[in-house]
């Protein structure tokens, strides 16, 4: 139990520090760049990250799940994967030229493409550290990169470099992180290359890559399509609202998944035990994360009004709806990792792609009329279908005990409704100011914890049991 808590502590130390640094740089960009320049920088980085998601999904998780450590495989992924990423990095700016993109945007994409190569070449090192459950090294590597990148990006924004500030932060962050990994584990990639090993890894990771293309690519693809049918300012509003939601959501979910994936893989052949474990950690995660996003949904307008200038006020509606969607997304967070561990990664691939295409079609058709809300609607459509599919997949795997599950989640829902009512009551009687926001937060937390404790006295013990099982 103590070892598990130490691992979790390092994961959340990394994610909390990353969250603080990301928020600091994000606020600087929002205040100094404005919606148009911020949107342009985000578009360039999003294009690169969209390709990076596919590479990383195909390569990293299959390496983590392998029981035998192979230096020849790691070396092959580093060099052959890096070569493939370099080819993509050359083609992306050329593709932008074909679509008559502005010279500034093409330049942003060309420089950002270097991030893709470094991201792919980091995968063998990150996979090995995850296999070793060396979360301390992962935390230090990510934090060092973030500090260097955020500092350089903020200085660039203060110097008036505009959209280049966003690119500089992302590029230097990845460069510093890769340099540290090479310094620590250079011997990992010096073995003789074997293209057959690399090809086998790609084949085994391709189903997960397709899934992550449809899931991890959703926001990136929506951003790119929105940029093609509207303008950089609209992209800036959507990216601003989505980033406010995703900074805490991804920090928490990535940390929890890094901890849970090896635990799920370990139980993959344990029959009903893995089902009980998934239900337990899903419930514990929902207990902590759902009220956080529903509270943010209620306070979103006040947060934007108090901490950002009037240029960003049009994004408050999108932020409210994205918070609600994030709360629902927490309910089935572990399903993709479970399917991979159980050897069912191909389940639902076609439906995932259909949902993605449906969401993109919605943005393409209505983005010019609805603006930022077309992107929010697309995310909502994809998530609605995804929740249904994931629930069916879990039930097919483990034969869920529906009465027990529904009552457990109903208790969380009732406590959240009471929390929302308390926050709305405070907001109705006060003007928007910092003291009122503080009162709303404190009252909301108090009402939620009190209500949940009354409805489910053993909820803290349930969370601790989930940690012990990990």
Protein backbone atom coordinates (compact mmCIF):
# COMPACT_ATOMS: atom_id res chain seq x y z
CA UNK A 1 0.00 0.00 0.00
CA UNK A 2 2.82 2.42 0.88
CA UNK A 3 4.53 1.79 -2.46
CA UNK A 4 1.28 2.47 -4.33
CA UNK A 5 0.76 5.72 -2.44
CA UNK A 6 4.30 6.83 -3.28
CA UNK A 7 3.69 6.12 -6.98
CA UNK A 8 0.43 8.05 -6.87
CA UNK A 9 2.10 10.90 -5.01
CA UNK A 10 4.72 11.25 -7.75
CA UNK A 11 2.03 11.09 -10.46
CA UNK A 12 -0.03 13.83 -8.86
CA UNK A 13 3.04 15.89 -7.99
CA UNK A 14 3.87 15.88 -11.68
CA UNK A 15 0.31 16.64 -12.79
CA UNK A 16 -0.31 19.34 -10.17
CA UNK A 17 2.94 21.14 -10.99
CA UNK A 18 2.22 20.83 -14.71
CA UNK A 19 -1.25 22.21 -14.14
CA UNK A 20 0.09 25.26 -12.29
CA UNK A 21 2.70 25.97 -14.96
CA UNK A 22 0.20 25.43 -17.77
CA UNK A 23 -2.33 27.77 -16.18
CA UNK A 24 0.34 30.45 -15.67
CA UNK A 25 1.48 30.34 -19.31
CA UNK A 26 -2.10 30.04 -20.54
CA UNK A 27 -3.17 33.19 -18.67
CA UNK A 28 -0.20 35.11 -20.12
CA UNK A 29 -1.05 33.99 -23.65
CA UNK A 30 -4.74 34.79 -23.24
CA UNK A 31 -4.03 38.29 -21.94
CA UNK A 32 -1.16 39.20 -24.32
CA UNK A 33 -2.05 37.47 -27.57
CA UNK A 34 -5.81 37.78 -27.79
CA UNK A 35 -8.16 35.33 -29.57
CA UNK A 36 -6.73 35.65 -33.11
CA UNK A 37 -3.00 35.16 -32.46
CA UNK A 38 -3.68 32.57 -29.76
CA UNK A 39 -5.93 30.68 -32.19
CA UNK A 40 -3.29 30.75 -34.92
CA UNK A 41 -0.59 29.32 -32.64
CA UNK A 42 -2.97 26.66 -31.33
CA UNK A 43 -3.91 25.64 -34.89
CA UNK A 44 -0.26 25.01 -35.78
CA UNK A 45 0.44 22.97 -32.64
CA UNK A 46 -2.85 21.10 -32.97
CA UNK A 47 -1.95 19.95 -36.47
CA UNK A 48 1.35 18.52 -35.21
CA UNK A 49 -0.19 16.93 -32.12
CA UNK A 50 -2.92 15.33 -34.21
CA UNK A 51 -0.28 13.34 -36.10
CA UNK A 52 1.70 12.75 -32.89
CA UNK A 53 -1.29 11.12 -31.18
CA UNK A 54 -1.38 8.44 -33.86
CA UNK A 55 2.37 7.71 -33.65
CA UNK A 56 2.40 7.59 -29.85
CA UNK A 57 -0.72 5.42 -29.54
CA UNK A 58 0.62 2.87 -32.00
CA UNK A 59 4.09 2.68 -30.41
CA UNK A 60 4.00 3.40 -26.68
CA UNK A 61 1.26 1.29 -25.07
CA UNK A 62 2.27 -1.95 -26.86
CA UNK A 63 5.81 -1.47 -25.50
CA UNK A 64 4.45 -0.94 -21.97
CA UNK A 65 2.42 -4.16 -22.13
CA UNK A 66 5.35 -6.33 -23.29
CA UNK A 67 6.59 -8.58 -20.52
CA UNK A 68 10.14 -8.91 -21.90
CA UNK A 69 12.40 -5.86 -22.16
CA UNK A 70 14.04 -5.63 -25.60
CA UNK A 71 16.75 -3.06 -26.30
CA UNK A 72 16.67 -3.96 -29.99
CA UNK A 73 12.98 -3.11 -30.09
CA UNK A 74 13.56 0.20 -28.29
CA UNK A 75 16.40 1.13 -30.63
CA UNK A 76 14.29 0.21 -33.67
CA UNK A 77 11.40 2.36 -32.48
CA UNK A 78 13.72 5.29 -31.76
CA UNK A 79 15.35 5.30 -35.19
CA UNK A 80 12.66 3.92 -37.52
CA UNK A 81 9.86 5.73 -35.68
CA UNK A 82 11.91 8.92 -35.71
CA UNK A 83 12.48 8.55 -39.47
CA UNK A 84 8.74 8.13 -40.06
CA UNK A 85 8.03 11.19 -37.93
CA UNK A 86 10.63 13.20 -39.84
CA UNK A 87 8.96 12.29 -43.12
CA UNK A 88 5.61 13.44 -41.73
CA UNK A 89 7.26 16.63 -40.46
CA UNK A 90 8.44 17.43 -43.99
CA UNK A 91 5.08 16.67 -45.60
CA UNK A 92 2.92 18.72 -43.21
CA UNK A 93 4.21 22.22 -44.19
CA UNK A 94 4.03 21.18 -47.87
CA UNK A 95 0.40 20.18 -47.37
CA UNK A 96 -0.30 23.59 -45.82
CA UNK A 97 1.13 25.26 -48.93
CA UNK A 98 -1.21 23.23 -51.12
CA UNK A 99 -4.18 24.58 -49.16
CA UNK A 100 -3.04 28.19 -49.65
CA UNK A 101 -2.32 28.77 -45.97
CA UNK A 102 -0.77 32.09 -44.95
CA UNK A 103 3.06 32.27 -44.94
CA UNK A 104 3.01 32.81 -41.16
CA UNK A 105 0.95 29.67 -40.57
CA UNK A 106 3.18 27.58 -42.87
CA UNK A 107 6.25 28.81 -40.97
CA UNK A 108 4.60 28.00 -37.62
CA UNK A 109 3.80 24.46 -38.81
CA UNK A 110 7.31 23.93 -40.24
CA UNK A 111 8.99 24.83 -36.95
CA UNK A 112 6.39 22.95 -34.87
CA UNK A 113 7.05 19.80 -36.90
CA UNK A 114 10.32 19.31 -35.03
CA UNK A 115 8.20 18.60 -31.94
CA UNK A 116 6.69 15.58 -33.72
CA UNK A 117 10.09 13.97 -34.29
CA UNK A 118 11.18 14.47 -30.66
CA UNK A 119 7.84 13.23 -29.31
CA UNK A 120 8.09 9.97 -31.25
CA UNK A 121 11.74 9.41 -30.30
CA UNK A 122 10.83 9.80 -26.62
CA UNK A 123 8.41 6.85 -26.70
CA UNK A 124 10.91 4.02 -25.93
CA UNK A 125 12.23 5.86 -22.87
CA UNK A 126 8.78 6.76 -21.57
CA UNK A 127 7.51 3.20 -22.14
CA UNK A 128 10.44 1.74 -20.18
CA UNK A 129 9.92 4.14 -17.28
CA UNK A 130 6.23 3.25 -17.23
CA UNK A 131 7.09 -0.46 -17.24
CA UNK A 132 9.39 0.12 -14.28
CA UNK A 133 6.67 2.27 -12.65
CA UNK A 134 9.38 4.92 -12.22
CA UNK A 135 6.92 7.79 -11.92
CA UNK A 136 9.48 9.97 -10.15
CA UNK A 137 11.70 10.10 -13.25
CA UNK A 138 8.69 10.71 -15.49
CA UNK A 139 7.57 13.56 -13.25
CA UNK A 140 10.99 15.22 -13.16
CA UNK A 141 11.44 14.89 -16.92
CA UNK A 142 8.05 16.41 -17.73
CA UNK A 143 8.35 19.19 -15.17
CA UNK A 144 11.81 20.24 -16.30
CA UNK A 145 10.60 20.44 -19.89
CA UNK A 146 7.52 22.39 -18.88
CA UNK A 147 9.51 24.90 -16.84
CA UNK A 148 11.94 25.56 -19.71
CA UNK A 149 9.17 25.69 -22.31
CA UNK A 150 6.78 27.85 -20.29
CA UNK A 151 9.52 30.31 -19.36
CA UNK A 152 10.64 30.67 -22.97
CA UNK A 153 7.04 30.95 -24.20
CA UNK A 154 6.10 33.63 -21.67
CA UNK A 155 9.24 35.62 -22.50
CA UNK A 156 8.40 35.33 -26.20
CA UNK A 157 4.84 36.57 -25.56
CA UNK A 158 6.13 39.49 -23.49
CA UNK A 159 8.56 40.30 -26.32
CA UNK A 160 5.70 40.64 -28.78
CA UNK A 161 6.35 37.50 -30.83
CA UNK A 162 2.64 36.70 -30.98
CA UNK A 163 1.67 33.20 -32.13
CA UNK A 164 5.34 32.13 -32.08
CA UNK A 165 5.16 32.10 -28.26
CA UNK A 166 2.81 29.09 -28.31
CA UNK A 167 5.10 27.20 -30.72
CA UNK A 168 8.28 28.06 -28.81
CA UNK A 169 6.83 26.71 -25.56
CA UNK A 170 5.78 23.39 -27.09
CA UNK A 171 9.05 22.93 -28.97
CA UNK A 172 11.43 23.68 -26.09
CA UNK A 173 9.38 21.60 -23.66
CA UNK A 174 9.73 18.51 -25.85
CA UNK A 175 13.41 19.21 -26.58
CA UNK A 176 14.34 19.48 -22.90
CA UNK A 177 12.34 16.38 -21.97
CA UNK A 178 14.03 14.29 -24.69
CA UNK A 179 17.49 15.54 -23.70
CA UNK A 180 16.92 14.36 -20.12
CA UNK A 181 15.72 10.94 -21.26
CA UNK A 182 18.78 10.53 -23.50
CA UNK A 183 21.06 11.50 -20.62
CA UNK A 184 19.47 8.99 -18.25
CA UNK A 185 18.98 6.01 -20.58
CA UNK A 186 21.16 6.44 -23.64
CA UNK A 187 22.12 2.75 -23.58
CA UNK A 188 18.51 1.86 -24.29
CA UNK A 189 18.80 2.77 -27.99
CA UNK A 190 22.33 1.62 -28.88
CA UNK A 191 21.40 -1.97 -29.74
CA UNK A 192 21.32 -3.30 -33.30
CA UNK A 193 18.24 -2.30 -35.26
CA UNK A 194 15.64 -4.82 -36.39
CA UNK A 195 12.98 -3.55 -38.77
CA UNK A 196 10.90 -6.70 -38.27
CA UNK A 197 10.54 -5.91 -34.56
CA UNK A 198 9.39 -2.39 -35.37
CA UNK A 199 6.89 -3.67 -37.94
CA UNK A 200 5.43 -6.22 -35.50
CA UNK A 201 5.01 -3.52 -32.86
CA UNK A 202 3.21 -1.25 -35.33
CA UNK A 203 0.88 -4.09 -36.31
CA UNK A 204 0.01 -4.88 -32.69
CA UNK A 205 -0.49 -1.21 -31.82
CA UNK A 206 -2.51 -0.26 -34.90
CA UNK A 207 -5.96 -1.05 -33.40
CA UNK A 208 -5.26 1.15 -30.41
CA UNK A 209 -3.91 3.81 -32.75
CA UNK A 210 -7.19 3.83 -34.65
CA UNK A 211 -9.12 4.12 -31.39
CA UNK A 212 -6.97 7.00 -30.20
CA UNK A 213 -7.33 8.62 -33.62
CA UNK A 214 -11.09 8.74 -33.10
CA UNK A 215 -10.97 9.61 -29.38
CA UNK A 216 -7.77 11.49 -28.72
CA UNK A 217 -8.09 13.22 -32.09
CA UNK A 218 -11.59 14.53 -31.49
CA UNK A 219 -10.76 18.00 -30.16
CA UNK A 220 -7.75 18.41 -32.45
CA UNK A 221 -9.70 17.42 -35.55
CA UNK A 222 -12.64 19.63 -34.54
CA UNK A 223 -10.21 22.53 -34.05
CA UNK A 224 -8.70 22.01 -37.50
CA UNK A 225 -12.09 21.78 -39.25
CA UNK A 226 -13.40 24.79 -37.32
CA UNK A 227 -10.36 26.76 -38.49
CA UNK A 228 -11.06 25.81 -42.10
CA UNK A 229 -14.70 26.99 -42.06
CA UNK A 230 -14.42 30.01 -39.75
CA UNK A 231 -11.48 32.14 -38.63
CA UNK A 232 -8.60 32.13 -36.16
CA UNK A 233 -10.61 34.17 -33.63
CA UNK A 234 -13.33 31.49 -33.42
CA UNK A 235 -10.64 28.85 -33.04
CA UNK A 236 -9.14 30.97 -30.28
CA UNK A 237 -12.45 31.06 -28.38
CA UNK A 238 -12.94 27.30 -28.66
CA UNK A 239 -9.33 26.53 -27.75
CA UNK A 240 -9.52 28.92 -24.80
CA UNK A 241 -12.70 27.30 -23.40
CA UNK A 242 -11.53 23.77 -24.11
CA UNK A 243 -8.09 24.38 -22.61
CA UNK A 244 -9.59 25.76 -19.40
CA UNK A 245 -11.48 22.48 -19.07
CA UNK A 246 -8.84 20.09 -20.39
CA UNK A 247 -5.88 21.37 -18.36
CA UNK A 248 -7.21 19.88 -15.10
CA UNK A 249 -9.06 17.00 -16.77
CA UNK A 250 -6.07 15.68 -18.71
CA UNK A 251 -3.69 16.24 -15.81
CA UNK A 252 -5.87 14.06 -13.58
CA UNK A 253 -6.91 11.46 -16.16
CA UNK A 254 -3.39 10.98 -17.57
CA UNK A 255 -2.02 10.50 -14.07
CA UNK A 256 -4.72 8.02 -13.11
CA UNK A 257 -4.35 6.09 -16.36
CA UNK A 258 -0.55 5.90 -15.96
CA UNK A 259 -1.16 4.29 -12.57
CA UNK A 260 -4.10 2.11 -13.60
CA UNK A 261 -2.87 0.66 -16.92
CA UNK A 262 -0.23 -1.68 -15.39
CA UNK A 263 -2.72 -2.70 -12.68
CA UNK A 264 -5.38 -3.52 -15.28
CA UNK A 265 -2.88 -5.42 -17.44
CA UNK A 266 -1.81 -7.45 -14.39
CA UNK A 267 -5.41 -8.58 -13.83
CA UNK A 268 -6.26 -9.14 -17.50
CA UNK A 269 -6.53 -12.93 -17.04
CA UNK A 270 -8.09 -12.82 -13.59
CA UNK A 271 -11.66 -13.09 -14.84
CA UNK A 272 -14.29 -11.30 -12.72
CA UNK A 273 -11.60 -9.63 -10.57
CA UNK A 274 -10.65 -7.17 -13.31
CA UNK A 275 -14.32 -6.22 -13.71
CA UNK A 276 -14.66 -5.47 -10.00
CA UNK A 277 -11.43 -3.45 -10.11
CA UNK A 278 -12.59 -1.36 -13.09
CA UNK A 279 -15.95 -0.65 -11.43
CA UNK A 280 -14.23 0.32 -8.16
CA UNK A 281 -11.70 2.74 -9.66
CA UNK A 282 -14.31 4.21 -12.02
CA UNK A 283 -16.62 4.96 -9.10
CA UNK A 284 -13.78 6.46 -7.04
CA UNK A 285 -12.72 8.63 -9.98
CA UNK A 286 -16.29 9.84 -10.56
CA UNK A 287 -16.67 10.65 -6.85
CA UNK A 288 -13.77 13.11 -7.05
CA UNK A 289 -13.85 14.44 -10.62
CA UNK A 290 -17.55 14.81 -11.48
CA UNK A 291 -18.31 17.43 -8.78
CA UNK A 292 -15.18 19.35 -9.73
CA UNK A 293 -16.35 19.86 -13.33
CA UNK A 294 -19.97 20.48 -12.41
CA UNK A 295 -18.83 23.14 -9.95
CA UNK A 296 -16.66 24.71 -12.65
CA UNK A 297 -19.69 24.65 -14.95
CA UNK A 298 -21.60 26.81 -12.47
CA UNK A 299 -18.70 29.20 -11.87
CA UNK A 300 -17.30 29.42 -15.41
CA UNK A 301 -18.75 32.81 -16.31
CA UNK A 302 -17.48 34.34 -13.06
CA UNK A 303 -14.00 32.81 -13.53
CA UNK A 304 -13.61 34.22 -17.03
CA UNK A 305 -15.00 37.62 -15.98
CA UNK A 306 -12.64 37.93 -13.00
CA UNK A 307 -9.39 36.52 -14.39
CA UNK A 308 -9.49 37.41 -18.11
CA UNK A 309 -10.37 40.55 -20.04
CA UNK A 310 -13.55 41.25 -21.99
CA UNK A 311 -12.09 39.84 -25.24
CA UNK A 312 -12.62 36.31 -23.90
CA UNK A 313 -16.17 36.72 -22.60
CA UNK A 314 -17.73 35.13 -25.74
CA UNK A 315 -16.04 31.85 -24.74
CA UNK A 316 -17.94 31.54 -21.42
CA UNK A 317 -20.93 29.70 -22.95
CA UNK A 318 -18.66 27.11 -24.58
CA UNK A 319 -16.76 26.67 -21.31
CA UNK A 320 -19.99 25.93 -19.41
CA UNK A 321 -21.07 23.18 -21.81
CA UNK A 322 -17.58 21.67 -22.07
CA UNK A 323 -17.46 21.36 -18.27
CA UNK A 324 -20.69 19.36 -18.33
CA UNK A 325 -19.32 17.08 -21.05
CA UNK A 326 -16.07 16.60 -19.11
CA UNK A 327 -18.05 15.43 -16.06
CA UNK A 328 -19.73 12.69 -18.14
CA UNK A 329 -16.43 11.73 -19.78
CA UNK A 330 -15.01 10.81 -16.36
CA UNK A 331 -17.53 7.98 -15.97
CA UNK A 332 -15.93 5.66 -18.56
CA UNK A 333 -12.34 6.83 -18.49
CA UNK A 334 -10.76 3.38 -18.06
CA UNK A 335 -12.66 1.49 -20.76
CA UNK A 336 -10.10 1.88 -23.63
CA UNK A 337 -7.22 0.66 -21.41
CA UNK A 338 -9.38 -2.25 -20.24
CA UNK A 339 -10.20 -3.32 -23.79
CA UNK A 340 -6.51 -3.24 -24.72
CA UNK A 341 -5.53 -5.28 -21.65
CA UNK A 342 -8.26 -7.84 -22.38
CA UNK A 343 -7.20 -8.20 -26.01
CA UNK A 344 -10.38 -6.55 -27.30
CA UNK A 345 -8.82 -3.39 -28.71
CA UNK A 346 -10.58 -3.83 -32.05
CA UNK A 347 -14.04 -3.63 -30.49
CA UNK A 348 -15.96 -0.61 -31.66
CA UNK A 349 -13.29 0.70 -34.04
CA UNK A 350 -15.77 1.27 -36.86
CA UNK A 351 -18.29 3.02 -34.60
CA UNK A 352 -15.55 5.23 -33.13
CA UNK A 353 -14.60 6.39 -36.61
CA UNK A 354 -18.24 6.97 -37.56
CA UNK A 355 -18.77 9.12 -34.45
CA UNK A 356 -15.65 11.14 -35.24
CA UNK A 357 -16.73 11.70 -38.85
CA UNK A 358 -20.23 12.67 -37.68
CA UNK A 359 -18.78 15.24 -35.28
CA UNK A 360 -16.51 16.69 -37.97
CA UNK A 361 -19.39 16.84 -40.44
CA UNK A 362 -21.40 18.83 -37.88
CA UNK A 363 -18.59 21.38 -37.56
CA UNK A 364 -18.11 21.53 -41.33
CA UNK A 365 -21.81 22.18 -41.98
CA UNK A 366 -22.59 24.59 -39.14
CA UNK A 367 -19.21 26.04 -38.09
CA UNK A 368 -19.61 29.16 -40.21
CA UNK A 369 -23.08 29.86 -38.73
CA UNK A 370 -22.86 28.64 -35.12
CA UNK A 371 -19.20 29.51 -34.57
CA UNK A 372 -17.69 28.08 -31.41
CA UNK A 373 -20.94 26.37 -30.37
CA UNK A 374 -20.74 24.14 -33.48
CA UNK A 375 -17.51 22.69 -32.08
CA UNK A 376 -19.12 22.20 -28.66
CA UNK A 377 -22.11 20.47 -30.25
CA UNK A 378 -19.78 18.17 -32.19
CA UNK A 379 -17.96 17.16 -29.01
CA UNK A 380 -21.33 16.53 -27.34
CA UNK A 381 -22.59 14.32 -30.19
CA UNK A 382 -19.41 12.24 -30.19
CA UNK A 383 -19.42 11.88 -26.40
CA UNK A 384 -23.08 10.82 -26.28
CA UNK A 385 -22.45 7.98 -28.70
CA UNK A 386 -19.17 7.09 -27.01
CA UNK A 387 -20.80 6.75 -23.58
CA UNK A 388 -23.37 4.32 -24.95
CA UNK A 389 -20.75 2.24 -26.79
CA UNK A 390 -18.38 2.04 -23.83
CA UNK A 391 -21.17 1.03 -21.46
CA UNK A 392 -22.23 -1.76 -23.83
CA UNK A 393 -18.60 -2.92 -24.14
CA UNK A 394 -18.13 -3.05 -20.37
CA UNK A 395 -21.37 -4.96 -19.88
CA UNK A 396 -20.37 -7.42 -22.59
CA UNK A 397 -17.04 -8.05 -20.85
CA UNK A 398 -18.12 -8.26 -17.21
CA UNK A 399 -21.92 -8.53 -16.92
CA UNK A 400 -22.32 -5.39 -14.83
CA UNK A 401 -24.50 -5.40 -11.71
CA UNK A 402 -26.79 -2.60 -12.83
CA UNK A 403 -28.87 -2.01 -9.65
CA UNK A 404 -25.73 -1.58 -7.52
CA UNK A 405 -23.93 0.57 -10.11
CA UNK A 406 -26.90 2.84 -10.76
CA UNK A 407 -27.45 3.43 -7.04
CA UNK A 408 -23.75 4.21 -6.49
CA UNK A 409 -23.72 6.79 -9.27
CA UNK A 410 -27.15 8.12 -8.26
CA UNK A 411 -25.73 8.99 -4.84
CA UNK A 412 -22.98 11.03 -6.49
CA UNK A 413 -25.57 12.65 -8.76
CA UNK A 414 -27.84 13.65 -5.86
CA UNK A 415 -24.90 15.17 -3.96
CA UNK A 416 -23.87 17.10 -7.11
CA UNK A 417 -27.40 18.44 -7.63
CA UNK A 418 -27.45 19.74 -4.05
CA UNK A 419 -24.02 21.31 -4.60
CA UNK A 420 -25.22 23.02 -7.80
CA UNK A 421 -28.28 24.34 -5.95
CA UNK A 422 -26.12 25.80 -3.19
CA UNK A 423 -23.82 27.55 -5.68
CA UNK A 424 -26.80 28.92 -7.65
CA UNK A 425 -28.28 30.28 -4.41
CA UNK A 426 -25.06 32.17 -3.60
CA UNK A 427 -24.78 33.51 -7.17
CA UNK A 428 -28.35 34.81 -7.12
CA UNK A 429 -27.66 37.06 -4.11
CA UNK A 430 -24.22 38.46 -4.99
CA UNK A 431 -22.44 40.37 -7.74
CA UNK A 432 -19.44 38.80 -9.45
CA UNK A 433 -16.38 39.38 -7.29
CA UNK A 434 -13.55 37.36 -5.81
CA UNK A 435 -15.06 37.04 -2.32
CA UNK A 436 -18.35 35.77 -3.76
CA UNK A 437 -16.48 33.24 -5.88
CA UNK A 438 -14.60 32.00 -2.81
CA UNK A 439 -17.85 31.66 -0.84
CA UNK A 440 -19.43 29.69 -3.73
CA UNK A 441 -16.48 27.29 -3.90
CA UNK A 442 -16.34 26.67 -0.14
CA UNK A 443 -20.11 26.23 0.17
CA UNK A 444 -20.23 23.93 -2.87
CA UNK A 445 -17.48 21.67 -1.50
CA UNK A 446 -19.09 21.59 1.95
CA UNK A 447 -22.53 20.73 0.61
CA UNK A 448 -21.17 18.01 -1.67
CA UNK A 449 -19.06 16.30 1.00
CA UNK A 450 -21.83 16.54 3.60
CA UNK A 451 -24.47 15.19 1.22
CA UNK A 452 -22.29 12.35 -0.02
CA UNK A 453 -21.33 11.37 3.53
CA UNK A 454 -25.00 11.24 4.49
CA UNK A 455 -25.98 9.20 1.42
CA UNK A 456 -22.90 6.97 1.35
CA UNK A 457 -21.00 6.94 4.67
CA UNK A 458 -18.26 4.60 3.40
CA UNK A 459 -17.18 6.56 0.32
CA UNK A 460 -13.73 7.43 1.69
CA UNK A 461 -13.12 3.78 2.56
CA UNK A 462 -14.14 2.84 -0.99
CA UNK A 463 -11.51 5.14 -2.48
CA UNK A 464 -8.83 3.73 -0.17
CA UNK A 465 -9.81 0.17 -1.15
CA UNK A 466 -9.39 1.12 -4.81
CA UNK A 467 -5.85 2.32 -4.07
CA UNK A 468 -5.03 -0.92 -2.27
CA UNK A 469 -6.28 -2.98 -5.19
CA UNK A 470 -3.98 -1.03 -7.57
